[in-house]
């Protein structure tokens, strides 16, 4: 345990945000949700009048979710500090030595743990690795631009490193250790 005061530790590990919250944006998003509640109420009313199959079709949410095989009692969530947007959710895979994940509301699944196992997504550039040596990840985008990705090491029962960025299409990833030594280069088949 460190002898440093908690304020110093927070200053080192958590970036300060001097920007005030955008309450107009919060209000706008809250108004947007109102229409969905009205639509759900209308669908429920239609189901009560005999349209139950329609209810199942209309309420189906095609967006990816954390898989049901995930241990819901041990879910870790990583948020984007400035926007509060969820970057990833991860949990142990029940009954297996592995993890279940949801990355940026675009990709989800479960994976068995392996010594150097990894998964890479081209758009948005993201993924994970079980290689504990990885400290820095760079995505090489289609146009050739190199973008450093945010790296999140999750310990405890997960023991996995996730990496992600907001946008772009990656054609390759470079994984490096804390000293900058290249550990792996993964090229993707992106057109």
Protein backbone atom coordinates (compact mmCIF):
# COMPACT_ATOMS: atom_id res chain seq x y z
CA UNK A 1 0.00 0.00 0.00
CA UNK A 2 1.32 3.48 -0.80
CA UNK A 3 2.03 6.13 1.84
CA UNK A 4 1.03 8.89 -0.59
CA UNK A 5 -2.13 10.84 0.28
CA UNK A 6 -5.20 9.87 -1.71
CA UNK A 7 -5.35 13.32 -3.41
CA UNK A 8 -1.86 12.81 -4.85
CA UNK A 9 -2.73 9.31 -6.08
CA UNK A 10 -5.91 10.61 -7.72
CA UNK A 11 -4.00 13.45 -9.41
CA UNK A 12 -1.52 10.93 -10.84
CA UNK A 13 -4.00 8.27 -12.01
CA UNK A 14 -7.23 10.13 -12.77
CA UNK A 15 -7.18 13.10 -15.16
CA UNK A 16 -8.77 16.28 -13.88
CA UNK A 17 -11.80 17.52 -15.79
CA UNK A 18 -12.18 21.27 -15.54
CA UNK A 19 -15.05 21.38 -18.03
CA UNK A 20 -18.58 21.88 -16.73
CA UNK A 21 -21.18 19.24 -17.65
CA UNK A 22 -23.17 19.86 -20.83
CA UNK A 23 -26.67 19.92 -19.30
CA UNK A 24 -28.33 20.93 -22.58
CA UNK A 25 -27.02 17.68 -24.10
CA UNK A 26 -28.32 15.69 -21.12
CA UNK A 27 -31.77 17.28 -21.46
CA UNK A 28 -31.80 16.63 -25.24
CA UNK A 29 -30.97 12.95 -24.74
CA UNK A 30 -33.61 12.65 -22.00
CA UNK A 31 -36.28 14.08 -24.35
CA UNK A 32 -35.22 11.57 -27.03
CA UNK A 33 -35.94 8.66 -24.65
CA UNK A 34 -39.51 9.86 -24.05
CA UNK A 35 -40.62 8.80 -27.55
CA UNK A 36 -39.35 5.26 -26.99
CA UNK A 37 -41.38 4.99 -23.75
CA UNK A 38 -44.53 6.05 -25.61
CA UNK A 39 -43.82 3.50 -28.36
CA UNK A 40 -43.28 0.76 -25.77
CA UNK A 41 -46.56 1.68 -24.07
CA UNK A 42 -48.38 1.47 -27.41
CA UNK A 43 -46.82 -1.93 -28.17
CA UNK A 44 -47.79 -3.25 -24.73
CA UNK A 45 -51.34 -2.05 -25.28
CA UNK A 46 -51.44 -3.79 -28.67
CA UNK A 47 -50.11 -6.98 -27.08
CA UNK A 48 -52.81 -6.85 -24.44
CA UNK A 49 -55.37 -6.75 -27.24
CA UNK A 50 -54.00 -9.91 -28.86
CA UNK A 51 -50.80 -8.88 -30.64
CA UNK A 52 -48.26 -10.68 -28.41
CA UNK A 53 -46.11 -11.90 -31.34
CA UNK A 54 -45.81 -8.27 -32.48
CA UNK A 55 -44.54 -7.34 -29.03
CA UNK A 56 -41.68 -9.83 -29.26
CA UNK A 57 -40.63 -8.53 -32.68
CA UNK A 58 -40.84 -4.84 -31.81
CA UNK A 59 -39.04 -5.09 -28.46
CA UNK A 60 -36.07 -7.06 -29.85
CA UNK A 61 -32.95 -4.93 -29.37
CA UNK A 62 -30.33 -5.81 -32.04
CA UNK A 63 -27.50 -4.00 -30.22
CA UNK A 64 -24.87 -6.31 -28.69
CA UNK A 65 -25.04 -6.99 -24.95
CA UNK A 66 -22.74 -8.63 -22.45
CA UNK A 67 -23.34 -12.37 -23.08
CA UNK A 68 -25.61 -14.25 -20.65
CA UNK A 69 -22.68 -16.57 -19.84
CA UNK A 70 -20.96 -13.64 -18.09
CA UNK A 71 -20.82 -13.69 -14.27
CA UNK A 72 -23.16 -10.76 -13.59
CA UNK A 73 -21.90 -10.44 -10.01
CA UNK A 74 -18.41 -9.47 -11.18
CA UNK A 75 -18.93 -7.08 -14.13
CA UNK A 76 -16.34 -4.33 -14.59
CA UNK A 77 -17.24 -1.26 -16.65
CA UNK A 78 -14.86 1.28 -18.22
CA UNK A 79 -16.30 4.71 -19.06
CA UNK A 80 -14.87 7.45 -21.28
CA UNK A 81 -13.89 10.10 -18.69
CA UNK A 82 -15.07 13.19 -20.59
CA UNK A 83 -18.38 11.90 -21.93
CA UNK A 84 -19.29 9.13 -19.50
CA UNK A 85 -19.92 6.86 -22.52
CA UNK A 86 -19.37 3.15 -21.86
CA UNK A 87 -16.24 1.88 -23.59
CA UNK A 88 -16.38 -1.69 -22.37
CA UNK A 89 -17.91 -4.19 -19.96
CA UNK A 90 -16.09 -7.35 -18.94
CA UNK A 91 -16.82 -10.22 -16.56
CA UNK A 92 -15.54 -13.71 -15.86
CA UNK A 93 -17.06 -16.43 -18.05
CA UNK A 94 -19.17 -18.66 -15.78
CA UNK A 95 -17.88 -22.23 -15.71
CA UNK A 96 -14.81 -21.48 -17.87
CA UNK A 97 -11.34 -20.02 -17.49
CA UNK A 98 -11.98 -16.98 -19.62
CA UNK A 99 -13.82 -13.70 -20.01
CA UNK A 100 -17.01 -12.31 -21.53
CA UNK A 101 -16.91 -8.80 -22.96
CA UNK A 102 -18.85 -6.02 -24.65
CA UNK A 103 -16.67 -3.46 -26.47
CA UNK A 104 -18.09 -0.05 -27.44
CA UNK A 105 -21.60 -1.45 -27.99
CA UNK A 106 -20.30 -3.03 -31.21
CA UNK A 107 -18.78 -6.39 -30.36
CA UNK A 108 -19.47 -8.95 -27.66
CA UNK A 109 -18.58 -12.52 -26.88
CA UNK A 110 -16.72 -14.86 -24.55
CA UNK A 111 -13.15 -16.09 -24.88
CA UNK A 112 -11.07 -18.80 -23.25
CA UNK A 113 -7.91 -17.56 -21.57
CA UNK A 114 -4.68 -18.32 -23.40
CA UNK A 115 -1.11 -17.25 -22.71
CA UNK A 116 -0.80 -14.82 -25.61
CA UNK A 117 -4.39 -14.81 -26.87
CA UNK A 118 -5.81 -11.63 -28.34
CA UNK A 119 -8.74 -10.29 -30.37
CA UNK A 120 -8.66 -7.27 -32.69
CA UNK A 121 -11.53 -5.19 -34.14
CA UNK A 122 -10.91 -2.99 -37.16
CA UNK A 123 -13.79 -0.53 -36.62
CA UNK A 124 -13.69 1.08 -34.18
CA UNK A 125 -10.09 0.04 -33.47
CA UNK A 126 -10.31 -2.03 -30.28
CA UNK A 127 -9.62 -5.42 -28.78
CA UNK A 128 -8.04 -7.27 -25.90
CA UNK A 129 -5.08 -9.47 -25.02
CA UNK A 130 -4.27 -11.85 -22.19
CA UNK A 131 -0.57 -10.98 -22.53
CA UNK A 132 0.16 -9.16 -19.25
CA UNK A 133 3.30 -7.55 -20.73
CA UNK A 134 1.28 -5.27 -23.05
CA UNK A 135 1.32 -1.66 -21.85
CA UNK A 136 0.94 0.35 -25.10
CA UNK A 137 -1.13 -0.33 -28.21
CA UNK A 138 -1.05 1.64 -31.47
CA UNK A 139 -3.56 1.25 -34.29
CA UNK A 140 -2.40 1.88 -37.85
CA UNK A 141 -5.44 3.27 -39.66
CA UNK A 142 -6.35 2.64 -43.31
CA UNK A 143 -4.79 5.94 -44.38
CA UNK A 144 -1.53 5.09 -42.59
CA UNK A 145 -2.04 7.36 -39.58
CA UNK A 146 -0.83 5.86 -36.28
CA UNK A 147 -3.19 6.32 -33.32
CA UNK A 148 -2.29 5.41 -29.73
CA UNK A 149 -5.17 3.54 -28.08
CA UNK A 150 -6.39 3.84 -24.49
CA UNK A 151 -5.16 0.75 -22.63
CA UNK A 152 -7.14 -0.66 -19.67
CA UNK A 153 -5.58 -3.47 -17.61
CA UNK A 154 -8.28 -5.32 -15.66
CA UNK A 155 -6.97 -7.45 -12.81
CA UNK A 156 -8.74 -9.64 -10.28
CA UNK A 157 -10.45 -12.64 -11.84
CA UNK A 158 -10.19 -11.15 -15.35
CA UNK A 159 -6.43 -10.60 -15.88
CA UNK A 160 -6.91 -9.08 -19.33
CA UNK A 161 -5.84 -5.90 -21.12
CA UNK A 162 -8.40 -4.08 -23.29
CA UNK A 163 -7.59 -1.31 -25.76
CA UNK A 164 -9.90 1.02 -27.68
CA UNK A 165 -10.30 4.35 -29.45
CA UNK A 166 -13.26 6.37 -30.64
CA UNK A 167 -13.21 6.11 -34.42
CA UNK A 168 -11.45 5.07 -37.58
CA UNK A 169 -10.74 1.78 -39.33
CA UNK A 170 -7.55 -0.06 -38.34
CA UNK A 171 -5.52 -2.13 -40.76
CA UNK A 172 -2.92 -3.14 -38.14
CA UNK A 173 -2.13 -3.09 -34.41
CA UNK A 174 1.22 -2.88 -32.63
CA UNK A 175 1.47 -4.11 -29.03
CA UNK A 176 4.42 -2.93 -26.92
CA UNK A 177 5.63 -3.45 -23.37
CA UNK A 178 6.27 -0.68 -20.81
CA UNK A 179 9.77 -0.06 -22.26
CA UNK A 180 8.40 0.32 -25.79
CA UNK A 181 9.66 -3.04 -27.05
CA UNK A 182 7.46 -4.43 -29.83
CA UNK A 183 5.76 -7.62 -28.60
CA UNK A 184 3.42 -8.27 -31.53
CA UNK A 185 2.18 -6.77 -34.77
CA UNK A 186 -1.23 -7.89 -36.04
CA UNK A 187 -2.28 -7.07 -39.59
CA UNK A 188 -5.98 -7.15 -40.43
CA UNK A 189 -7.53 -7.96 -43.80
CA UNK A 190 -9.26 -4.59 -44.30
CA UNK A 191 -10.26 -3.24 -47.69
